[in-house]
Protein backbone atom coordinates (compact mmCIF):
# COMPACT_ATOMS: atom_id res chain seq x y z
CA MET A 1 100.02 100.26 17.34
CA LYS A 2 101.47 104.06 16.12
CA GLY A 3 103.75 101.88 12.91
CA THR A 4 100.07 100.49 11.95
CA VAL A 5 98.56 103.94 11.95
CA ILE A 6 101.65 105.37 9.74
CA VAL A 7 100.64 102.82 6.93
CA LEU A 8 97.13 103.49 7.58
CA LEU A 9 97.45 107.11 7.01
CA THR A 10 99.61 106.92 4.31
CA LEU A 11 97.30 104.35 2.20
CA PHE A 12 94.12 107.05 3.44
CA ALA A 13 95.67 109.90 1.63
CA CYS A 14 96.84 108.05 -1.47
CA CYS A 15 93.22 106.79 -1.03
CA LEU A 16 77.86 87.60 1.88
CA ALA A 17 58.09 93.77 -3.62
CA ALA A 18 57.65 96.36 -0.43
CA CYS A 19 55.93 93.77 1.83
CA LYS A 20 56.02 93.98 5.39
CA PRO A 21 56.74 90.95 7.00
CA GLY A 22 53.36 89.18 8.64
CA GLN A 23 52.23 88.82 11.45
CA LYS A 24 51.88 84.98 13.11
CA GLU A 25 48.04 84.79 14.77
CA ASN A 26 47.69 83.19 18.20
CA LYS A 27 51.12 82.54 19.17
CA ASP A 28 52.64 82.77 22.71
CA MET A 29 55.41 85.08 22.22
CA ASN A 30 57.11 83.33 25.02
CA GLU A 31 56.97 80.18 23.12
CA GLU A 32 59.42 78.73 20.58
CA THR A 33 58.98 78.65 17.04
CA LYS A 34 60.08 75.74 15.50
CA LEU A 35 59.92 75.24 11.80
CA LYS A 36 60.50 72.13 10.01
CA ILE A 37 63.00 72.67 6.78
CA GLU A 38 62.13 69.27 4.25
CA THR A 39 64.91 69.62 1.72
CA THR A 40 65.84 66.47 -0.61
CA ALA A 41 69.27 65.65 1.40
CA GLY A 42 67.11 65.28 4.63
CA ASP A 43 64.85 67.44 7.14
CA ILE A 44 66.36 70.10 9.23
CA ILE A 45 64.41 71.46 12.43
CA VAL A 46 65.17 75.08 13.58
CA LYS A 47 63.95 77.14 16.27
CA LEU A 48 63.48 81.16 16.00
CA TYR A 49 64.14 83.38 18.52
CA ASN A 50 61.63 85.50 20.26
CA GLU A 51 64.25 88.17 20.19
CA THR A 52 64.42 88.91 16.56
CA PRO A 53 60.90 89.18 15.91
CA LYS A 54 60.79 90.87 12.78
CA HIS A 55 63.68 88.00 11.30
CA ARG A 56 61.25 85.51 12.74
CA GLU A 57 57.90 86.37 11.08
CA ASN A 58 59.30 87.44 8.10
CA PHE A 59 60.56 83.90 8.27
CA ILE A 60 57.64 82.17 9.52
CA LYS A 61 55.36 84.36 6.72
CA LEU A 62 57.92 82.66 3.66
CA ALA A 63 57.20 79.26 5.01
CA GLN A 64 53.78 79.58 5.02
CA ASN A 65 53.39 81.20 1.92
CA GLY A 66 55.58 78.91 -0.05
CA THR A 67 58.38 80.98 -1.17
CA TYR A 68 60.53 78.95 -0.26
CA GLU A 69 59.63 75.55 -2.07
CA GLY A 70 61.65 74.94 -5.03
CA THR A 71 64.21 76.90 -3.89
CA LEU A 72 68.14 75.39 -3.99
CA PHE A 73 70.82 75.48 -1.20
CA HIS A 74 72.65 77.56 -3.75
CA ARG A 75 75.92 78.64 -2.24
CA VAL A 76 77.82 76.03 0.23
CA ILE A 77 81.38 76.46 1.47
CA LYS A 78 82.75 73.76 4.06
CA ASP A 79 83.55 74.48 7.29
CA PHE A 80 81.82 77.36 6.93
CA MET A 81 78.05 77.53 5.68
CA ILE A 82 75.69 76.57 3.86
CA GLN A 83 72.71 79.69 2.19
CA ALA A 84 69.82 78.87 0.54
CA GLY A 85 66.81 80.78 -0.13
CA ASP A 86 66.98 82.61 -3.16
CA PRO A 87 63.57 82.75 -5.38
CA ASP A 88 65.72 83.25 -8.83
CA SER A 89 67.56 79.38 -8.17
CA LYS A 90 64.13 77.77 -8.62
CA ASP A 91 64.80 75.37 -11.75
CA ALA A 92 67.97 76.97 -12.62
CA PRO A 93 69.78 75.13 -15.06
CA LYS A 94 73.17 74.34 -14.15
CA GLY A 95 75.87 76.61 -13.98
CA LYS A 96 73.71 79.79 -13.11
CA MET A 97 74.80 82.43 -11.26
CA LEU A 98 72.65 82.44 -8.33
CA GLY A 99 72.68 84.87 -4.79
CA ALA A 100 71.08 88.00 -6.29
CA GLY A 101 67.13 86.61 -5.95
CA ASP A 102 65.22 88.55 -3.31
CA VAL A 103 61.81 89.52 -2.30
CA GLY A 104 61.98 93.33 -3.11
CA TYR A 105 62.81 94.01 0.65
CA THR A 106 64.72 93.65 3.32
CA VAL A 107 64.68 93.50 7.14
CA PRO A 108 66.54 95.89 9.35
CA ALA A 109 69.37 94.56 11.15
CA GLU A 110 68.66 92.64 14.66
CA PHE A 111 71.73 92.16 16.51
CA VAL A 112 71.23 90.51 19.97
CA TYR A 113 74.95 90.43 20.60
CA PRO A 114 76.38 88.44 22.38
CA LYS A 115 73.70 86.46 23.66
CA TYR A 116 73.55 85.08 19.75
CA PHE A 117 76.40 84.65 18.09
CA HIS A 118 77.57 82.47 14.81
CA LYS A 119 78.17 79.13 16.47
CA ARG A 120 77.83 75.54 14.83
CA GLY A 121 73.94 75.47 13.71
CA ALA A 122 73.48 78.99 14.04
CA LEU A 123 70.27 80.24 11.59
CA SER A 124 71.28 83.90 10.32
CA ALA A 125 70.49 86.27 7.38
CA ALA A 126 72.43 86.93 4.45
CA ARG A 127 72.73 90.44 3.55
CA GLN A 128 74.58 92.87 1.03
CA GLY A 129 77.76 94.02 1.79
CA ASP A 130 78.68 97.29 4.11
CA GLN A 131 79.71 99.23 0.87
CA VAL A 132 75.78 99.18 -0.51
CA ASN A 133 74.41 98.07 2.99
CA PRO A 134 75.55 100.25 5.72
CA GLU A 135 72.77 99.31 8.28
CA LYS A 136 73.43 95.76 8.01
CA ALA A 137 69.79 95.33 6.63
CA SER A 138 69.24 91.63 5.56
CA SER A 139 67.76 89.99 2.91
CA GLY A 140 64.63 89.55 2.61
CA CYS A 141 64.21 85.97 1.84
CA GLN A 142 68.20 84.41 2.29
CA PHE A 143 69.72 83.03 5.04
CA TYR A 144 72.68 80.03 6.04
CA ILE A 145 73.42 77.80 8.65
CA VAL A 146 76.91 77.70 9.94
CA THR A 147 79.04 75.07 10.07
CA GLY A 148 82.04 76.82 10.60
CA LYS A 149 85.52 75.21 12.41
CA VAL A 150 86.70 74.58 16.15
CA TYR A 151 89.38 77.11 16.79
CA THR A 152 92.27 77.45 19.54
CA ASP A 153 92.37 79.31 22.82
CA SER A 154 95.33 81.23 21.14
CA THR A 155 93.81 82.01 17.70
CA LEU A 156 90.79 83.79 19.52
CA LEU A 157 93.16 85.97 21.24
CA ASN A 158 94.82 86.91 18.44
CA MET A 159 91.45 87.43 16.99
CA GLU A 160 90.19 89.78 19.98
CA THR A 161 93.71 91.47 19.36
CA GLN A 162 92.81 92.08 15.91
CA MET A 163 89.27 93.34 16.78
CA ASN A 164 90.83 95.79 19.43
CA ASN A 165 93.24 96.93 16.64
CA MET A 166 90.80 97.42 14.19
CA ARG A 167 88.52 99.87 16.23
CA PHE A 168 91.42 101.60 16.96
CA ASN A 169 92.52 102.13 13.22
CA ASN A 170 88.78 103.15 12.34
CA ALA A 171 88.73 105.72 15.08
CA PHE A 172 91.87 107.24 13.84
CA ASN A 173 90.46 106.89 10.17
CA ALA A 174 87.33 108.58 11.33
CA LEU A 175 88.99 111.70 12.23
CA ALA A 176 91.80 111.64 9.41
CA ALA A 177 88.70 111.90 6.95
CA LYS A 178 88.03 115.18 8.44
CA HIS A 179 91.56 116.69 7.94
CA ALA A 180 91.74 114.98 3.99
CA LYS A 181 92.39 118.05 2.58
CA GLU A 182 94.83 119.09 5.44
CA ILE A 183 97.07 116.24 4.70
CA TYR A 184 96.88 116.40 0.84
CA LYS A 185 98.00 119.85 1.30
CA MET A 186 101.15 118.40 3.82
CA ARG A 187 101.99 115.58 0.75
CA ARG A 188 101.76 118.16 -1.82
CA ASN A 189 104.17 120.14 -0.15
CA ASN A 190 106.64 116.81 0.90
CA ASP A 191 105.72 118.31 4.48
CA GLN A 192 106.41 115.40 6.17
CA GLU A 193 107.27 116.40 10.21
CA GLY A 194 103.22 118.21 9.51
CA LEU A 195 101.82 114.80 8.88
CA MET A 196 103.97 112.98 11.58
CA ASN A 197 102.27 115.86 13.73
CA LEU A 198 98.99 115.26 12.99
CA GLN A 199 99.32 111.93 13.06
CA ASP A 200 100.22 111.94 16.45
CA THR A 201 97.51 114.41 17.69
CA LEU A 202 94.83 112.29 15.58
CA ILE A 203 96.47 109.45 17.59
CA ALA A 204 96.06 111.21 20.96
CA GLN A 205 92.74 112.10 19.71
CA VAL A 206 91.69 108.56 19.84
CA GLU A 207 93.50 107.47 22.67
CA LYS A 208 91.51 109.74 24.78
CA GLN A 209 87.95 108.61 22.73
CA MET A 210 88.76 105.66 23.46
CA ALA A 211 89.87 105.70 27.48
CA GLY A 212 87.62 104.16 29.51
CA GLN A 213 86.28 102.32 26.54
CA PRO A 214 86.26 98.31 27.34
CA GLU A 215 88.03 96.28 24.88
CA PHE A 216 86.26 93.41 22.86
CA ARG A 217 86.46 89.88 24.36
CA PHE A 218 84.58 87.07 23.63
CA THR A 219 82.12 85.79 26.25
CA PRO A 220 83.01 82.47 28.18
CA GLU A 221 79.51 81.15 26.00
CA GLN A 222 81.38 82.37 22.49
CA VAL A 223 85.04 80.44 23.98
CA LYS A 224 83.30 77.70 25.38
CA ALA A 225 80.80 77.37 21.70
CA TYR A 226 83.83 78.44 19.42
CA THR A 227 86.52 75.97 20.69
CA THR A 228 84.45 72.87 21.08
CA VAL A 229 81.92 72.47 18.65
CA GLY A 230 83.26 75.63 16.55
CA GLY A 231 81.43 78.27 14.40
CA THR A 232 82.20 81.70 12.36
CA PRO A 233 83.84 84.45 14.92
CA HIS A 234 84.12 87.03 12.38
CA LEU A 235 80.60 87.12 11.23
CA ASP A 236 79.53 88.08 14.68
CA ASN A 237 77.85 91.19 15.09
CA GLU A 238 77.71 91.98 11.51
CA TYR A 239 75.09 89.51 10.14
CA THR A 240 71.66 89.17 11.96
CA VAL A 241 71.34 85.79 14.21
CA PHE A 242 68.09 84.59 14.52
CA GLY A 243 67.67 81.08 15.47
CA GLU A 244 69.59 77.74 15.37
CA VAL A 245 69.54 74.19 14.30
CA VAL A 246 67.75 71.71 16.76
CA GLU A 247 67.58 68.59 14.74
CA GLY A 248 69.37 67.75 11.68
CA MET A 249 72.95 68.93 12.08
CA ASP A 250 73.95 65.29 9.92
CA VAL A 251 71.99 66.84 7.32
CA VAL A 252 73.96 69.90 7.27
CA ASP A 253 76.86 68.30 6.96
CA LYS A 254 76.20 66.40 4.37
CA ILE A 255 75.37 69.31 2.38
CA GLN A 256 78.18 70.98 3.14
CA GLN A 257 80.44 68.11 1.80
CA MET A 258 79.20 68.08 -1.42
CA LYS A 259 80.97 68.61 -4.34
CA THR A 260 80.45 72.13 -4.97
CA ASP A 261 81.13 73.98 -8.86
CA ARG A 262 83.61 77.35 -8.86
CA ASN A 263 80.91 79.10 -7.61
CA ASP A 264 80.46 77.44 -4.45
CA ARG A 265 76.67 75.86 -5.98
CA PRO A 266 76.51 72.14 -5.26
CA GLU A 267 76.94 70.18 -8.49
CA GLU A 268 73.85 67.97 -7.37
CA ASP A 269 71.46 70.13 -6.71
CA VAL A 270 69.76 69.96 -3.06
CA LYS A 271 66.08 71.88 -3.22
CA ILE A 272 64.42 72.68 -0.74
CA LYS A 273 60.64 70.78 -0.97
CA LYS A 274 59.26 72.87 1.74
CA VAL A 275 59.42 74.88 5.24
CA GLU A 276 56.30 73.79 7.74
CA VAL A 277 55.82 76.15 11.21
CA LEU A 278 55.84 73.00 13.40
């Protein structure tokens, strides 16, 4: 761990319309909401989670006002996911760059983790990256359906280790940032001993800070899903999962198998004809 942090310290020193989601009327909040996504490749039926109400009501609103009609599955990556919902994809000519379209607002993140995660068939919200979107707010319209791949137990164990190392390193870097001027000064003076002493101090502070905090571990439900049906575990707790496919994964698989161009757009357009609340 210390060797890793030394590298990080050195690197530090060098250094996927303001409308509000509408409310669906006369709906029992304990009743599952299902929608049918009619596409030119076939129908996909999804259910929306009640525990993510902002995303649920927004998706219902967009379905009812026809926002999705004519949009494409514009980004398709085999063994990962299929993405749709970009308004700019309607009647988009071949070769046009897609994925930047929106409806003028974002939806606040609603992480219900680890209950809902990126298993195969998960319905999730796309968003801009952390650099411009640190709150991880979701796109107001773009969504993706997970296909993913199956992982081994050993791979998941390695991912757990990487996640715990990342947590430690992030905490270390946050502390190091508070000593930026001091670090730069010592580097200018070639004060290696000072740098090592500061590093040891920061490591001790992080270890104390993290003492008693549980390490990251996949839940039994996650392990079962990721080692059987598959998914994309590295997206967990980073993008809002607000529903899942209940029928039509064969259609999702058909779409993910399609030949794509260099921008991951299917060469044969897959269009959403209609999204209907059932």
